[in-house]
Amino acid sequence: IPELDVAFDIGQCTRAVLSVPTIALSHAHMDHLGGLPYWFSQRSFQKIGGETHLPDKPDGKPRVPVGRCVCHPELEQSLRGMMRAWEPLERQKTPFEIVALEPEKDLELKNNIRLRAIETRHTVPSLGFSVLERRSKLKEEFRDLPQEKLRELRTRGTEITRQLDIPLIAYTGDTAPGEYLVRDEFADAKIVIAECTFFEPDHNDRARTGMH
């Protein structure tokens, strides 16, 4: 979703996904993960991206900008190990950033746009995601007040607005059915993305076994 600076999963690294700075990884099956090392490598090689979150090199020069991969906390160390395993093969270090995001926690993607992790059920640790736009709305009790009175209340430290999270996009990843799929972030999203792996009636047993 280039407008929101995020891509969901990366089984393959396409040209289009290189410009997106954040990969939201639902789980670590290879068809959802296989393109990640190449994505990090190509973003580094082509010097794509904004400021890196990594510290400067010892010589004081900034590191090559990298993207970040957001994942389930149980995947963080294994993903770091996967990236480090490429170093003796390529005989070079590819900069990377792995960010563990706890279920029910948010991560800022860009101004007022947040990524929320939602625990799902699969054969391995897995997350669904919701992209939310945060808006401020005037509280009901202040709606009919004139601007002068609102300014006065703000000056006195009165909180006159409330925060609203508007679901823009929901992504299920691979998951068994569950109550998490009917929560507001999924039910109210403008767009819901789901992988349709099994859809024929005789696929039901395979779907249950694979938790799709």
N, C-alpha and C. Protein backbone atom coordinates (compact mmCIF):
# COMPACT_ATOMS: atom_id res chain seq x y z
N ILE A 1 0.88 -1.18 0.00
CA ILE A 1 0.00 0.00 0.00
C ILE A 1 0.91 1.23 0.00
N PRO A 2 1.40 1.68 -1.15
CA PRO A 2 2.43 2.73 -1.17
C PRO A 2 1.98 4.04 -0.53
N GLU A 3 0.67 4.34 -0.61
CA GLU A 3 0.18 5.59 -0.03
C GLU A 3 0.33 5.61 1.49
N LEU A 4 0.38 4.43 2.09
CA LEU A 4 0.46 4.33 3.55
C LEU A 4 1.81 3.84 4.03
N ASP A 5 2.79 3.72 3.13
CA ASP A 5 4.17 3.37 3.48
C ASP A 5 4.28 1.97 4.11
N VAL A 6 3.47 1.02 3.64
CA VAL A 6 3.54 -0.32 4.23
C VAL A 6 3.21 -1.36 3.18
N ALA A 7 3.84 -2.53 3.30
CA ALA A 7 3.48 -3.70 2.51
C ALA A 7 3.24 -4.85 3.47
N PHE A 8 2.27 -5.69 3.17
CA PHE A 8 1.96 -6.84 4.01
C PHE A 8 2.61 -8.08 3.42
N ASP A 9 3.57 -8.64 4.16
CA ASP A 9 4.27 -9.85 3.76
C ASP A 9 5.08 -9.64 2.48
N ILE A 10 6.03 -10.56 2.24
CA ILE A 10 6.91 -10.39 1.09
C ILE A 10 7.46 -11.75 0.68
N GLY A 11 6.59 -12.59 0.13
CA GLY A 11 7.01 -13.88 -0.37
C GLY A 11 8.04 -13.74 -1.48
N GLN A 12 7.84 -12.73 -2.32
CA GLN A 12 8.82 -12.36 -3.35
C GLN A 12 9.05 -10.86 -3.26
N CYS A 13 10.24 -10.42 -3.66
CA CYS A 13 10.55 -9.00 -3.66
C CYS A 13 10.34 -8.45 -5.07
N THR A 14 9.21 -7.80 -5.27
CA THR A 14 8.92 -7.19 -6.57
C THR A 14 9.55 -5.80 -6.64
N ARG A 15 9.65 -5.29 -7.84
CA ARG A 15 10.20 -3.94 -8.01
C ARG A 15 9.35 -2.91 -7.27
N ALA A 16 8.02 -3.09 -7.30
CA ALA A 16 7.12 -2.10 -6.70
C ALA A 16 7.30 -1.97 -5.19
N VAL A 17 7.65 -3.08 -4.53
CA VAL A 17 7.71 -3.05 -3.06
C VAL A 17 9.00 -2.41 -2.55
N LEU A 18 9.98 -2.21 -3.40
CA LEU A 18 11.25 -1.65 -2.94
C LEU A 18 11.10 -0.25 -2.35
N SER A 19 10.15 0.52 -2.84
CA SER A 19 10.00 1.90 -2.36
C SER A 19 9.26 1.99 -1.04
N VAL A 20 8.66 0.89 -0.58
CA VAL A 20 7.88 0.91 0.66
C VAL A 20 8.82 0.70 1.85
N PRO A 21 8.80 1.57 2.87
CA PRO A 21 9.80 1.48 3.94
C PRO A 21 9.50 0.47 5.04
N THR A 22 8.27 -0.07 5.11
CA THR A 22 7.92 -0.98 6.19
C THR A 22 7.23 -2.22 5.64
N ILE A 23 7.73 -3.39 6.04
CA ILE A 23 7.08 -4.67 5.75
C ILE A 23 6.40 -5.13 7.04
N ALA A 24 5.09 -5.35 7.00
CA ALA A 24 4.36 -5.91 8.13
C ALA A 24 4.24 -7.42 7.89
N LEU A 25 5.01 -8.19 8.63
CA LEU A 25 5.10 -9.63 8.41
C LEU A 25 4.09 -10.36 9.29
N SER A 26 3.18 -11.08 8.65
CA SER A 26 2.15 -11.78 9.42
C SER A 26 2.70 -13.03 10.10
N HIS A 27 3.55 -13.79 9.39
CA HIS A 27 4.14 -15.00 9.96
C HIS A 27 5.32 -15.41 9.09
N ALA A 28 6.03 -16.45 9.52
CA ALA A 28 7.33 -16.74 8.90
C ALA A 28 7.32 -17.93 7.96
N HIS A 29 6.18 -18.31 7.41
CA HIS A 29 6.20 -19.29 6.34
C HIS A 29 6.85 -18.67 5.11
N MET A 30 7.57 -19.48 4.35
CA MET A 30 8.43 -18.93 3.30
C MET A 30 7.65 -18.19 2.22
N ASP A 31 6.41 -18.62 1.95
CA ASP A 31 5.65 -17.92 0.90
C ASP A 31 5.22 -16.52 1.35
N HIS A 32 5.42 -16.19 2.62
CA HIS A 32 5.13 -14.84 3.12
C HIS A 32 6.40 -14.09 3.51
N LEU A 33 7.52 -14.78 3.51
CA LEU A 33 8.76 -14.23 4.05
C LEU A 33 9.94 -14.25 3.08
N GLY A 34 9.88 -15.13 2.08
CA GLY A 34 11.07 -15.44 1.28
C GLY A 34 11.78 -14.27 0.64
N GLY A 35 11.06 -13.18 0.33
CA GLY A 35 11.69 -12.05 -0.34
C GLY A 35 12.34 -11.05 0.60
N LEU A 36 12.25 -11.26 1.92
CA LEU A 36 12.73 -10.24 2.85
C LEU A 36 14.23 -9.96 2.76
N PRO A 37 15.11 -10.99 2.76
CA PRO A 37 16.55 -10.67 2.67
C PRO A 37 16.90 -9.87 1.42
N TYR A 38 16.28 -10.24 0.30
CA TYR A 38 16.58 -9.53 -0.95
C TYR A 38 16.06 -8.09 -0.89
N TRP A 39 14.92 -7.90 -0.23
CA TRP A 39 14.37 -6.55 -0.07
C TRP A 39 15.33 -5.66 0.71
N PHE A 40 15.83 -6.16 1.85
CA PHE A 40 16.82 -5.40 2.60
C PHE A 40 18.05 -5.11 1.75
N SER A 41 18.53 -6.13 1.04
CA SER A 41 19.74 -6.00 0.25
C SER A 41 19.57 -4.96 -0.86
N GLN A 42 18.46 -5.02 -1.58
CA GLN A 42 18.26 -4.10 -2.69
C GLN A 42 18.02 -2.67 -2.22
N ARG A 43 17.32 -2.49 -1.11
CA ARG A 43 17.13 -1.12 -0.58
C ARG A 43 18.48 -0.52 -0.19
N SER A 44 19.36 -1.36 0.36
CA SER A 44 20.69 -0.88 0.71
C SER A 44 21.50 -0.58 -0.54
N PHE A 45 21.50 -1.50 -1.49
CA PHE A 45 22.29 -1.36 -2.72
C PHE A 45 21.85 -0.14 -3.52
N GLN A 46 20.53 0.08 -3.60
CA GLN A 46 20.01 1.20 -4.39
C GLN A 46 19.86 2.49 -3.57
N LYS A 47 20.23 2.41 -2.28
CA LYS A 47 20.15 3.58 -1.39
C LYS A 47 18.74 4.17 -1.40
N ILE A 48 17.78 3.30 -1.22
CA ILE A 48 16.37 3.70 -1.19
C ILE A 48 15.95 3.92 0.25
N GLY A 49 15.16 4.96 0.49
CA GLY A 49 14.54 5.13 1.80
C GLY A 49 14.90 6.43 2.45
N GLY A 50 14.33 6.63 3.64
CA GLY A 50 14.59 7.83 4.42
C GLY A 50 15.71 7.58 5.41
N GLU A 51 15.64 8.28 6.53
CA GLU A 51 16.69 8.14 7.53
C GLU A 51 16.62 6.76 8.18
N THR A 52 17.76 6.21 8.41
CA THR A 52 17.82 4.91 9.07
C THR A 52 17.62 5.05 10.57
N HIS A 53 17.13 3.99 11.21
CA HIS A 53 17.02 3.96 12.66
C HIS A 53 18.29 3.38 13.29
N LEU A 54 19.23 2.96 12.46
CA LEU A 54 20.45 2.35 12.98
C LEU A 54 21.47 3.43 13.35
N PRO A 55 22.35 3.14 14.30
CA PRO A 55 23.37 4.14 14.67
C PRO A 55 24.38 4.33 13.55
N ASP A 56 25.09 5.45 13.63
CA ASP A 56 26.12 5.72 12.64
C ASP A 56 27.25 4.72 12.73
N LYS A 57 28.00 4.61 11.63
CA LYS A 57 29.19 3.77 11.63
C LYS A 57 30.24 4.37 12.57
N PRO A 58 31.24 3.57 12.97
CA PRO A 58 32.30 4.09 13.86
C PRO A 58 33.02 5.28 13.27
N ASP A 59 33.10 5.36 11.93
CA ASP A 59 33.81 6.49 11.33
C ASP A 59 32.95 7.75 11.28
N GLY A 60 31.73 7.68 11.84
CA GLY A 60 30.87 8.87 11.88
C GLY A 60 29.96 9.04 10.69
N LYS A 61 30.17 8.26 9.65
CA LYS A 61 29.33 8.37 8.46
C LYS A 61 28.01 7.65 8.69
N PRO A 62 26.90 8.22 8.21
CA PRO A 62 25.62 7.55 8.42
C PRO A 62 25.55 6.23 7.67
N ARG A 63 24.84 5.28 8.22
CA ARG A 63 24.65 4.01 7.55
C ARG A 63 23.72 4.19 6.35
N VAL A 64 23.81 3.23 5.43
CA VAL A 64 22.93 3.25 4.27
C VAL A 64 21.49 3.10 4.76
N PRO A 65 20.55 3.90 4.26
CA PRO A 65 19.16 3.76 4.70
C PRO A 65 18.65 2.34 4.47
N VAL A 66 17.88 1.86 5.44
CA VAL A 66 17.30 0.53 5.35
C VAL A 66 15.81 0.63 5.59
N GLY A 67 15.11 -0.45 5.28
CA GLY A 67 13.71 -0.55 5.67
C GLY A 67 13.61 -1.26 7.00
N ARG A 68 12.38 -1.44 7.44
CA ARG A 68 12.16 -2.18 8.68
C ARG A 68 11.10 -3.25 8.44
N CYS A 69 11.28 -4.35 9.14
CA CYS A 69 10.31 -5.44 9.11
C CYS A 69 9.67 -5.52 10.48
N VAL A 70 8.35 -5.40 10.54
CA VAL A 70 7.59 -5.49 11.78
C VAL A 70 7.07 -6.91 11.91
N CYS A 71 7.27 -7.52 13.06
CA CYS A 71 6.94 -8.95 13.19
C CYS A 71 6.41 -9.28 14.57
N HIS A 72 5.91 -10.50 14.69
CA HIS A 72 5.51 -11.04 15.99
C HIS A 72 6.76 -11.13 16.88
N PRO A 73 6.64 -10.82 18.17
CA PRO A 73 7.82 -10.85 19.05
C PRO A 73 8.54 -12.19 19.05
N GLU A 74 7.83 -13.30 18.85
CA GLU A 74 8.49 -14.61 18.86
C GLU A 74 9.37 -14.83 17.63
N LEU A 75 9.24 -13.99 16.62
CA LEU A 75 10.02 -14.15 15.40
C LEU A 75 11.28 -13.31 15.37
N GLU A 76 11.38 -12.34 16.26
CA GLU A 76 12.44 -11.33 16.16
C GLU A 76 13.83 -11.94 16.09
N GLN A 77 14.18 -12.79 17.05
CA GLN A 77 15.54 -13.31 17.09
C GLN A 77 15.84 -14.23 15.92
N SER A 78 14.86 -15.02 15.49
CA SER A 78 15.08 -15.91 14.36
C SER A 78 15.29 -15.12 13.07
N LEU A 79 14.55 -14.02 12.90
CA LEU A 79 14.73 -13.19 11.71
C LEU A 79 16.10 -12.52 11.72
N ARG A 80 16.53 -12.08 12.89
CA ARG A 80 17.88 -11.51 12.99
C ARG A 80 18.93 -12.56 12.63
N GLY A 81 18.72 -13.78 13.12
CA GLY A 81 19.65 -14.86 12.80
C GLY A 81 19.65 -15.17 11.31
N MET A 82 18.48 -15.11 10.66
CA MET A 82 18.41 -15.35 9.22
C MET A 82 19.23 -14.33 8.46
N MET A 83 19.11 -13.06 8.86
CA MET A 83 19.85 -12.02 8.16
C MET A 83 21.35 -12.14 8.41
N ARG A 84 21.72 -12.50 9.63
CA ARG A 84 23.16 -12.65 9.92
C ARG A 84 23.74 -13.86 9.20
N ALA A 85 22.89 -14.86 8.92
CA ALA A 85 23.39 -16.05 8.23
C ALA A 85 23.84 -15.74 6.81
N TRP A 86 23.36 -14.65 6.23
CA TRP A 86 23.77 -14.28 4.87
C TRP A 86 25.19 -13.68 4.84
N GLU A 87 25.69 -13.21 5.98
CA GLU A 87 26.96 -12.50 5.98
C GLU A 87 28.12 -13.36 5.51
N PRO A 88 28.30 -14.59 6.01
CA PRO A 88 29.42 -15.39 5.50
C PRO A 88 29.21 -15.86 4.06
N LEU A 89 27.97 -15.92 3.61
CA LEU A 89 27.70 -16.33 2.23
C LEU A 89 28.03 -15.20 1.26
N GLU A 90 27.57 -13.99 1.58
CA GLU A 90 27.80 -12.85 0.69
C GLU A 90 29.12 -12.13 0.99
N ARG A 91 29.69 -12.43 2.15
CA ARG A 91 30.92 -11.77 2.60
C ARG A 91 30.74 -10.26 2.68
N GLN A 92 29.59 -9.88 3.14
CA GLN A 92 29.30 -8.48 3.41
C GLN A 92 28.10 -8.43 4.36
N LYS A 93 27.91 -7.28 5.00
CA LYS A 93 26.80 -7.10 5.92
C LYS A 93 25.72 -6.24 5.27
N THR A 94 24.52 -6.75 5.23
CA THR A 94 23.38 -5.99 4.73
C THR A 94 22.68 -5.34 5.91
N PRO A 95 22.55 -4.02 5.94
CA PRO A 95 21.84 -3.39 7.06
C PRO A 95 20.38 -3.79 7.06
N PHE A 96 19.84 -4.00 8.25
CA PHE A 96 18.44 -4.39 8.37
C PHE A 96 17.91 -3.91 9.71
N GLU A 97 16.60 -3.80 9.80
CA GLU A 97 15.95 -3.44 11.06
C GLU A 97 14.76 -4.35 11.26
N ILE A 98 14.74 -5.07 12.36
CA ILE A 98 13.64 -5.95 12.73
C ILE A 98 12.97 -5.35 13.96
N VAL A 99 11.67 -5.12 13.90
CA VAL A 99 10.93 -4.50 15.00
C VAL A 99 9.85 -5.47 15.48
N ALA A 100 9.97 -5.92 16.71
CA ALA A 100 8.94 -6.78 17.30
C ALA A 100 7.79 -5.91 17.78
N LEU A 101 6.58 -6.26 17.36
CA LEU A 101 5.39 -5.49 17.75
C LEU A 101 4.43 -6.41 18.49
N GLU A 102 4.25 -6.13 19.77
CA GLU A 102 3.36 -6.94 20.60
C GLU A 102 1.91 -6.82 20.11
N PRO A 103 1.13 -7.89 20.18
CA PRO A 103 -0.29 -7.79 19.86
C PRO A 103 -0.96 -6.69 20.68
N GLU A 104 -1.85 -5.95 20.03
CA GLU A 104 -2.59 -4.82 20.60
C GLU A 104 -1.74 -3.55 20.72
N LYS A 105 -0.51 -3.58 20.23
CA LYS A 105 0.32 -2.38 20.24
C LYS A 105 0.31 -1.74 18.86
N ASP A 106 0.58 -0.43 18.83
CA ASP A 106 0.59 0.34 17.60
C ASP A 106 2.01 0.80 17.26
N LEU A 107 2.24 1.01 15.98
CA LEU A 107 3.50 1.56 15.49
C LEU A 107 3.16 2.64 14.46
N GLU A 108 3.80 3.80 14.58
CA GLU A 108 3.51 4.89 13.65
C GLU A 108 4.15 4.60 12.29
N LEU A 109 3.35 4.69 11.24
CA LEU A 109 3.84 4.55 9.87
C LEU A 109 4.19 5.91 9.28
N LYS A 110 3.33 6.87 9.50
CA LYS A 110 3.52 8.24 9.04
C LYS A 110 2.58 9.10 9.86
N ASN A 111 2.51 10.38 9.56
CA ASN A 111 1.71 11.31 10.34
C ASN A 111 0.27 10.83 10.51
N ASN A 112 -0.15 10.57 11.75
CA ASN A 112 -1.53 10.18 12.08
C ASN A 112 -1.94 8.84 11.48
N ILE A 113 -1.00 8.07 10.96
CA ILE A 113 -1.30 6.74 10.41
C ILE A 113 -0.54 5.72 11.25
N ARG A 114 -1.27 4.74 11.79
CA ARG A 114 -0.69 3.78 12.71
C ARG A 114 -0.96 2.35 12.25
N LEU A 115 -0.01 1.48 12.56
CA LEU A 115 -0.14 0.06 12.28
C LEU A 115 -0.40 -0.65 13.60
N ARG A 116 -1.49 -1.42 13.68
CA ARG A 116 -1.82 -2.15 14.91
C ARG A 116 -1.67 -3.65 14.67
N ALA A 117 -1.01 -4.32 15.61
CA ALA A 117 -0.83 -5.77 15.54
C ALA A 117 -1.98 -6.46 16.26
N ILE A 118 -2.52 -7.50 15.63
CA ILE A 118 -3.64 -8.25 16.19
C ILE A 118 -3.29 -9.73 16.14
N GLU A 119 -3.30 -10.38 17.30
CA GLU A 119 -2.93 -11.80 17.35
C GLU A 119 -3.96 -12.64 16.61
N THR A 120 -3.49 -13.55 15.75
CA THR A 120 -4.35 -14.48 15.03
C THR A 120 -3.91 -15.91 15.35
N ARG A 121 -4.57 -16.90 14.75
CA ARG A 121 -4.24 -18.29 15.04
C ARG A 121 -3.84 -19.00 13.74
N HIS A 122 -2.61 -19.48 13.73
CA HIS A 122 -2.09 -20.21 12.59
C HIS A 122 -1.21 -21.34 13.13
N THR A 123 -0.54 -22.05 12.25
CA THR A 123 0.31 -23.16 12.69
C THR A 123 1.63 -22.67 13.28
N VAL A 124 1.92 -21.40 13.13
CA VAL A 124 3.11 -20.77 13.70
C VAL A 124 2.66 -19.43 14.30
N PRO A 125 3.50 -18.76 15.10
CA PRO A 125 3.10 -17.44 15.64
C PRO A 125 2.71 -16.50 14.51
N SER A 126 1.58 -15.82 14.68
CA SER A 126 1.05 -15.03 13.56
C SER A 126 0.33 -13.79 14.05
N LEU A 127 0.34 -12.79 13.19
CA LEU A 127 -0.35 -11.52 13.44
C LEU A 127 -1.21 -11.16 12.24
N GLY A 128 -2.34 -10.54 12.51
CA GLY A 128 -3.03 -9.75 11.51
C GLY A 128 -2.69 -8.30 11.79
N PHE A 129 -3.06 -7.42 10.86
CA PHE A 129 -2.73 -6.01 11.03
C PHE A 129 -3.90 -5.13 10.64
N SER A 130 -3.97 -3.97 11.30
CA SER A 130 -4.91 -2.94 10.90
C SER A 130 -4.14 -1.63 10.74
N VAL A 131 -4.43 -0.92 9.67
CA VAL A 131 -3.87 0.42 9.47
C VAL A 131 -4.95 1.42 9.84
N LEU A 132 -4.65 2.29 10.79
CA LEU A 132 -5.64 3.21 11.35
C LEU A 132 -5.22 4.65 11.16
N GLU A 133 -6.18 5.48 10.87
CA GLU A 133 -5.94 6.93 10.84
C GLU A 133 -6.46 7.54 12.13
N ARG A 134 -5.60 8.23 12.83
CA ARG A 134 -5.99 8.84 14.10
C ARG A 134 -6.48 10.27 13.86
N ARG A 135 -7.69 10.54 14.32
CA ARG A 135 -8.28 11.87 14.16
C ARG A 135 -8.72 12.41 15.51
N SER A 136 -8.71 13.72 15.63
CA SER A 136 -9.22 14.39 16.82
C SER A 136 -10.62 14.91 16.53
N LYS A 137 -11.54 14.67 17.46
CA LYS A 137 -12.91 15.12 17.28
C LYS A 137 -13.37 15.83 18.54
N LEU A 138 -14.09 16.93 18.36
CA LEU A 138 -14.60 17.71 19.48
C LEU A 138 -15.58 16.87 20.29
N LYS A 139 -15.41 16.88 21.61
CA LYS A 139 -16.32 16.14 22.47
C LYS A 139 -17.74 16.69 22.35
N GLU A 140 -18.71 15.80 22.52
CA GLU A 140 -20.12 16.17 22.31
C GLU A 140 -20.53 17.35 23.17
N GLU A 141 -20.06 17.39 24.42
CA GLU A 141 -20.52 18.43 25.34
C GLU A 141 -20.03 19.83 24.97
N PHE A 142 -19.07 19.90 24.04
CA PHE A 142 -18.53 21.21 23.64
C PHE A 142 -18.96 21.61 22.23
N ARG A 143 -19.75 20.80 21.56
CA ARG A 143 -20.04 21.02 20.14
C ARG A 143 -20.71 22.37 19.86
N ASP A 144 -21.56 22.86 20.75
CA ASP A 144 -22.33 24.08 20.48
C ASP A 144 -21.70 25.33 21.05
N LEU A 145 -20.51 25.22 21.60
CA LEU A 145 -19.85 26.39 22.18
C LEU A 145 -19.18 27.23 21.10
N PRO A 146 -19.14 28.55 21.27
CA PRO A 146 -18.44 29.41 20.30
C PRO A 146 -16.94 29.21 20.38
N GLN A 147 -16.22 29.61 19.34
CA GLN A 147 -14.78 29.43 19.28
C GLN A 147 -14.06 30.11 20.44
N GLU A 148 -14.56 31.29 20.85
CA GLU A 148 -13.91 32.01 21.94
C GLU A 148 -13.94 31.19 23.23
N LYS A 149 -15.08 30.53 23.49
CA LYS A 149 -15.21 29.72 24.69
C LYS A 149 -14.31 28.48 24.60
N LEU A 150 -14.20 27.89 23.40
CA LEU A 150 -13.33 26.72 23.22
C LEU A 150 -11.88 27.09 23.47
N ARG A 151 -11.47 28.25 22.96
CA ARG A 151 -10.09 28.70 23.18
C ARG A 151 -9.82 28.90 24.67
N GLU A 152 -10.82 29.45 25.36
CA GLU A 152 -10.68 29.68 26.80
C GLU A 152 -10.52 28.36 27.55
N LEU A 153 -11.32 27.36 27.17
CA LEU A 153 -11.22 26.05 27.81
C LEU A 153 -9.86 25.41 27.57
N ARG A 154 -9.36 25.52 26.33
CA ARG A 154 -8.04 24.96 26.01
C ARG A 154 -6.95 25.65 26.83
N THR A 155 -7.08 26.98 26.97
CA THR A 155 -6.09 27.74 27.73
C THR A 155 -6.06 27.29 29.19
N ARG A 156 -7.21 26.90 29.72
CA ARG A 156 -7.30 26.45 31.11
C ARG A 156 -6.87 24.99 31.27
N GLY A 157 -6.53 24.35 30.15
CA GLY A 157 -6.07 22.98 30.21
C GLY A 157 -7.16 21.93 30.09
N THR A 158 -8.37 22.33 29.73
CA THR A 158 -9.46 21.38 29.57
C THR A 158 -9.30 20.61 28.26
N GLU A 159 -9.42 19.31 28.32
CA GLU A 159 -9.33 18.47 27.13
C GLU A 159 -10.68 18.50 26.43
N ILE A 160 -10.74 19.16 25.27
CA ILE A 160 -12.03 19.34 24.61
C ILE A 160 -12.21 18.40 23.42
N THR A 161 -11.18 17.62 23.10
CA THR A 161 -11.28 16.70 21.97
C THR A 161 -11.04 15.27 22.45
N ARG A 162 -11.46 14.31 21.63
CA ARG A 162 -11.18 12.91 21.89
C ARG A 162 -10.54 12.32 20.64
N GLN A 163 -9.76 11.26 20.84
CA GLN A 163 -9.06 10.62 19.73
C GLN A 163 -9.92 9.52 19.13
N LEU A 164 -10.00 9.49 17.81
CA LEU A 164 -10.69 8.43 17.10
C LEU A 164 -9.71 7.70 16.20
N ASP A 165 -9.77 6.38 16.18
CA ASP A 165 -8.98 5.59 15.26
C ASP A 165 -9.89 5.05 14.18
N ILE A 166 -9.67 5.49 12.94
CA ILE A 166 -10.50 5.11 11.80
C ILE A 166 -9.80 3.98 11.06
N PRO A 167 -10.39 2.76 11.03
CA PRO A 167 -9.73 1.65 10.32
C PRO A 167 -9.77 1.88 8.80
N LEU A 168 -8.60 1.90 8.20
CA LEU A 168 -8.51 2.08 6.75
C LEU A 168 -8.37 0.73 6.04
N ILE A 169 -7.43 -0.08 6.50
CA ILE A 169 -7.15 -1.36 5.86
C ILE A 169 -6.92 -2.41 6.94
N ALA A 170 -7.46 -3.60 6.73
CA ALA A 170 -7.19 -4.73 7.61
C ALA A 170 -6.59 -5.85 6.79
N TYR A 171 -5.64 -6.56 7.38
CA TYR A 171 -4.95 -7.67 6.72
C TYR A 171 -4.99 -8.87 7.66
N THR A 172 -5.54 -9.98 7.19
CA THR A 172 -5.71 -11.12 8.08
C THR A 172 -4.48 -12.00 8.17
N GLY A 173 -3.65 -12.02 7.14
CA GLY A 173 -2.62 -13.03 7.07
C GLY A 173 -3.27 -14.40 6.94
N ASP A 174 -2.49 -15.47 7.09
CA ASP A 174 -3.04 -16.82 7.11
C ASP A 174 -3.53 -17.10 8.53
N THR A 175 -4.79 -17.46 8.68
CA THR A 175 -5.33 -17.66 10.01
C THR A 175 -6.57 -18.54 9.97
N ALA A 176 -6.80 -19.24 11.06
CA ALA A 176 -8.07 -19.91 11.26
C ALA A 176 -9.13 -18.87 11.60
N PRO A 177 -10.41 -19.19 11.38
CA PRO A 177 -11.46 -18.25 11.81
C PRO A 177 -11.38 -18.00 13.30
N GLY A 178 -11.78 -16.81 13.71
CA GLY A 178 -11.74 -16.49 15.14
C GLY A 178 -12.44 -15.18 15.42
N GLU A 179 -12.64 -14.91 16.70
CA GLU A 179 -13.34 -13.70 17.12
C GLU A 179 -12.60 -12.44 16.72
N TYR A 180 -11.29 -12.53 16.55
CA TYR A 180 -10.49 -11.36 16.17
C TYR A 180 -10.86 -10.83 14.80
N LEU A 181 -11.47 -11.65 13.95
CA LEU A 181 -11.82 -11.21 12.60
C LEU A 181 -13.11 -10.38 12.56
N VAL A 182 -13.84 -10.31 13.67
CA VAL A 182 -15.05 -9.49 13.69
C VAL A 182 -14.92 -8.31 14.64
N ARG A 183 -13.73 -8.04 15.14
CA ARG A 183 -13.51 -6.86 15.95
C ARG A 183 -13.56 -5.62 15.06
N ASP A 184 -13.66 -4.45 15.65
CA ASP A 184 -13.91 -3.22 14.89
C ASP A 184 -12.87 -2.97 13.81
N GLU A 185 -11.59 -3.28 14.11
CA GLU A 185 -10.54 -2.99 13.13
C GLU A 185 -10.75 -3.74 11.82
N PHE A 186 -11.37 -4.91 11.89
CA PHE A 186 -11.67 -5.67 10.67
C PHE A 186 -13.06 -5.34 10.14
N ALA A 187 -14.05 -5.30 11.04
CA ALA A 187 -15.43 -5.11 10.60
C ALA A 187 -15.66 -3.73 9.98
N ASP A 188 -14.96 -2.71 10.47
CA ASP A 188 -15.19 -1.35 10.00
C ASP A 188 -14.17 -0.87 8.98
N ALA A 189 -13.21 -1.71 8.62
CA ALA A 189 -12.17 -1.28 7.68
C ALA A 189 -12.76 -1.03 6.29
N LYS A 190 -12.22 -0.03 5.60
CA LYS A 190 -12.68 0.26 4.24
C LYS A 190 -12.26 -0.85 3.29
N ILE A 191 -11.11 -1.46 3.55
CA ILE A 191 -10.60 -2.55 2.72
C ILE A 191 -10.11 -3.66 3.64
N VAL A 192 -10.49 -4.90 3.34
CA VAL A 192 -9.98 -6.07 4.05
C VAL A 192 -9.25 -6.95 3.05
N ILE A 193 -8.00 -7.31 3.38
CA ILE A 193 -7.18 -8.15 2.50
C ILE A 193 -7.02 -9.51 3.17
N ALA A 194 -7.37 -10.57 2.45
CA ALA A 194 -7.24 -11.92 2.98
C ALA A 194 -6.77 -12.84 1.86
N GLU A 195 -5.93 -13.80 2.21
CA GLU A 195 -5.49 -14.79 1.23
C GLU A 195 -6.56 -15.87 1.10
N CYS A 196 -6.99 -16.13 -0.12
CA CYS A 196 -8.00 -17.16 -0.36
C CYS A 196 -7.30 -18.43 -0.84
N THR A 197 -6.83 -19.24 0.11
CA THR A 197 -6.07 -20.44 -0.22
C THR A 197 -6.98 -21.60 -0.59
N PHE A 198 -8.02 -21.79 0.19
CA PHE A 198 -8.95 -22.92 -0.01
C PHE A 198 -10.37 -22.35 -0.14
N PHE A 199 -11.07 -22.72 -1.21
CA PHE A 199 -12.40 -22.16 -1.37
C PHE A 199 -13.44 -23.16 -1.89
N GLU A 200 -13.00 -24.32 -2.37
CA GLU A 200 -13.96 -25.34 -2.79
C GLU A 200 -14.49 -26.10 -1.57
N PRO A 201 -15.74 -26.62 -1.65
CA PRO A 201 -16.30 -27.34 -0.49
C PRO A 201 -15.41 -28.48 0.01
N ASP A 202 -14.75 -29.20 -0.89
CA ASP A 202 -13.93 -30.33 -0.45
C ASP A 202 -12.56 -29.90 0.08
N HIS A 203 -12.34 -28.59 0.16
CA HIS A 203 -11.09 -28.07 0.74
C HIS A 203 -11.20 -27.85 2.24
N ASN A 204 -12.37 -28.04 2.83
CA ASN A 204 -12.58 -27.65 4.23
C ASN A 204 -11.60 -28.34 5.18
N ASP A 205 -11.39 -29.64 4.98
CA ASP A 205 -10.49 -30.38 5.87
C ASP A 205 -9.07 -29.85 5.77
N ARG A 206 -8.62 -29.58 4.55
CA ARG A 206 -7.26 -29.05 4.36
C ARG A 206 -7.13 -27.66 5.01
N ALA A 207 -8.18 -26.88 4.90
CA ALA A 207 -8.15 -25.53 5.49
C ALA A 207 -8.04 -25.62 7.01
N ARG A 208 -8.80 -26.53 7.61
CA ARG A 208 -8.74 -26.66 9.07
C ARG A 208 -7.37 -27.16 9.53
N THR A 209 -6.82 -28.13 8.81
CA THR A 209 -5.52 -28.67 9.16
C THR A 209 -4.43 -27.60 9.09
N GLY A 210 -4.46 -26.82 8.02
CA GLY A 210 -3.46 -25.78 7.83
C GLY A 210 -3.79 -24.48 8.51
N MET A 211 -4.94 -24.40 9.18
CA MET A 211 -5.38 -23.19 9.88
C MET A 211 -5.38 -21.99 8.95
N HIS A 212 -6.11 -22.14 7.84
CA HIS A 212 -6.32 -21.05 6.89
C HIS A 212 -7.78 -20.63 6.93
